[in-house]
C-alpha cells in the first residue's frame, strides 16, 4: 500500500473517531476503485453535508510532518463551523443577493461519483453532474 492510501485510511478512521461526539456520520470510499484518493463525505440526518474533504490535498501537510490527529482536528473544526453556518442559512427564503458567495455550482464526473451523489441534489448533464457547494 502506498503512503497516500495509508494516509487516507488513517485520516478516515481518525475523522470517524473525532465525529463520534456529534450527530455527523463520516463515510469514505473503497480505495481499490481508482488511483486518486476519493473524498470523505459527512452526513447529518441521512443527508450529505457539503463540503466534502479531499485527503489528497491534506497529504502534503502530512508529508511535512503534521500528525494525522492535528489535521483531523483542524478539518473537524472547519466542518462544524460550516454546519453551523448552513443550519442558520435558509436558502428557500433567502434573497438572491444573500445567496451570492454562499453557494456555487460544482461539476464532477458522474460515473466516478454516483455513489455519493445518490443522497445529494444534483443535475446530470451528459457525463457530469452539477451540484451546489458552499
Protein backbone atom coordinates (compact mmCIF):
# COMPACT_ATOMS: atom_id res chain seq x y z
CA UNK A 1 0.00 0.00 0.00
CA UNK A 2 1.39 3.42 -0.89
CA UNK A 3 1.79 6.34 1.53
CA UNK A 4 -1.26 8.21 0.21
CA UNK A 5 -3.60 5.28 0.66
CA UNK A 6 -2.23 4.64 4.15
CA UNK A 7 -2.78 8.31 5.00
CA UNK A 8 -6.35 8.10 3.64
CA UNK A 9 -7.15 5.11 5.86
CA UNK A 10 -5.66 6.76 8.95
CA UNK A 11 -7.37 10.07 8.21
CA UNK A 12 -10.75 8.40 7.67
CA UNK A 13 -10.51 6.39 10.92
CA UNK A 14 -9.38 9.42 12.94
CA UNK A 15 -12.18 11.56 11.44
CA UNK A 16 -14.76 8.91 12.35
CA UNK A 17 -13.47 8.91 15.94
CA UNK A 18 -13.43 12.72 16.06
CA UNK A 19 -17.05 12.96 14.90
CA UNK A 20 -18.39 10.31 17.31
CA UNK A 21 -19.43 13.02 19.77
CA UNK A 22 -21.56 14.76 17.12
CA UNK A 23 -24.63 13.78 15.08
CA UNK A 24 -22.47 13.78 11.95
CA UNK A 25 -21.62 10.45 10.34
CA UNK A 26 -18.49 10.01 8.23
CA UNK A 27 -18.14 7.88 5.10
CA UNK A 28 -15.31 7.16 2.70
CA UNK A 29 -14.92 5.13 -0.47
CA UNK A 30 -13.13 1.90 -1.24
CA UNK A 31 -9.51 2.57 -2.16
CA UNK A 32 -9.40 -0.28 -4.66
CA UNK A 33 -11.60 1.60 -7.12
CA UNK A 34 -9.05 4.03 -8.57
CA UNK A 35 -5.71 5.75 -8.42
CA UNK A 36 -6.87 9.05 -6.87
CA UNK A 37 -7.88 9.31 -3.25
CA UNK A 38 -11.65 9.73 -3.01
CA UNK A 39 -13.35 12.40 -0.98
CA UNK A 40 -14.69 11.82 2.50
CA UNK A 41 -18.35 12.70 2.97
CA UNK A 42 -20.24 13.82 6.04
CA UNK A 43 -23.89 13.01 6.69
CA UNK A 44 -26.39 14.66 9.01
CA UNK A 45 -29.84 13.10 9.24
CA UNK A 46 -29.12 10.93 6.18
CA UNK A 47 -28.24 13.98 4.06
CA UNK A 48 -24.79 14.66 2.67
CA UNK A 49 -23.25 17.76 4.20
CA UNK A 50 -21.12 19.94 1.98
CA UNK A 51 -18.17 20.37 1.90
CA UNK A 52 -16.59 17.00 1.43
CA UNK A 53 -12.96 16.69 2.48
CA UNK A 54 -10.34 15.59 -0.04
CA UNK A 55 -7.40 13.92 1.75
CA UNK A 56 -5.29 14.15 -1.42
CA UNK A 57 -4.80 17.85 -0.64
CA UNK A 58 -4.13 17.23 3.06
CA UNK A 59 -1.50 14.58 2.31
CA UNK A 60 1.02 17.38 1.68
CA UNK A 61 0.63 18.56 5.29
CA UNK A 62 1.15 15.00 6.49
CA UNK A 63 4.32 14.68 4.38
CA UNK A 64 5.64 17.86 6.05
CA UNK A 65 5.38 16.18 9.48
CA UNK A 66 1.96 17.31 10.70
CA UNK A 67 0.33 14.40 12.58
CA UNK A 68 -2.94 12.98 11.23
CA UNK A 69 -4.65 13.83 14.53
CA UNK A 70 -3.79 17.53 14.13
CA UNK A 71 -5.01 17.58 10.53
CA UNK A 72 -8.27 15.93 11.59
CA UNK A 73 -8.72 18.40 14.46
CA UNK A 74 -8.41 21.37 12.08
CA UNK A 75 -10.75 19.82 9.47
CA UNK A 76 -13.32 18.91 12.14
CA UNK A 77 -13.36 22.50 13.35
CA UNK A 78 -13.98 23.81 9.82
CA UNK A 79 -16.71 21.24 9.15
CA UNK A 80 -18.56 22.06 12.36
CA UNK A 81 -18.32 25.76 11.53
CA UNK A 82 -19.77 25.14 8.05
CA UNK A 83 -22.59 23.02 9.50
CA UNK A 84 -23.46 25.81 11.95
CA UNK A 85 -23.45 28.35 9.09
CA UNK A 86 -25.61 26.13 6.90
CA UNK A 87 -28.15 25.44 9.62
CA UNK A 88 -28.64 29.18 10.17
CA UNK A 89 -28.96 29.93 6.44
CA UNK A 90 -32.45 29.39 4.96
CA UNK A 91 -31.85 29.08 1.22
CA UNK A 92 -35.56 28.68 0.46
CA UNK A 93 -36.41 32.11 1.85
CA UNK A 94 -33.14 33.87 1.05
CA UNK A 95 -32.83 36.95 -1.08
CA UNK A 96 -30.80 36.08 -4.24
CA UNK A 97 -28.22 38.69 -3.21
CA UNK A 98 -27.77 36.83 0.08
CA UNK A 99 -27.01 33.57 -1.74
CA UNK A 100 -24.13 35.08 -3.76
CA UNK A 101 -20.90 33.90 -2.23
CA UNK A 102 -22.58 31.27 -0.07
CA UNK A 103 -23.00 28.56 -2.70
CA UNK A 104 -21.61 27.84 -6.14
CA UNK A 105 -22.14 25.25 -8.84
CA UNK A 106 -19.57 22.46 -8.95
CA UNK A 107 -19.07 19.78 -11.59
CA UNK A 108 -17.96 16.20 -11.00
CA UNK A 109 -17.65 13.14 -13.24
CA UNK A 110 -20.97 11.35 -12.83
CA UNK A 111 -19.74 7.77 -13.12
CA UNK A 112 -16.95 8.15 -10.57
CA UNK A 113 -19.16 10.00 -8.07
CA UNK A 114 -22.56 8.34 -8.45
CA UNK A 115 -22.35 6.56 -5.07
CA UNK A 116 -22.08 9.77 -3.07
CA UNK A 117 -24.35 11.70 -5.44
CA UNK A 118 -27.31 9.43 -4.67
CA UNK A 119 -28.03 11.40 -1.46
CA UNK A 120 -27.16 14.80 -2.89
CA UNK A 121 -29.34 17.03 -5.04
CA UNK A 122 -27.68 17.25 -8.46
CA UNK A 123 -28.39 17.56 -12.14
CA UNK A 124 -26.87 15.04 -14.57
CA UNK A 125 -25.63 16.59 -17.81
CA UNK A 126 -24.03 14.17 -20.30
CA UNK A 127 -21.20 12.51 -18.32
CA UNK A 128 -21.03 15.04 -15.46
CA UNK A 129 -23.19 16.04 -12.51
CA UNK A 130 -23.67 19.60 -11.31
CA UNK A 131 -24.33 20.19 -7.62
CA UNK A 132 -24.28 23.10 -5.18
CA UNK A 133 -21.24 23.57 -2.99
CA UNK A 134 -20.60 26.05 -0.18
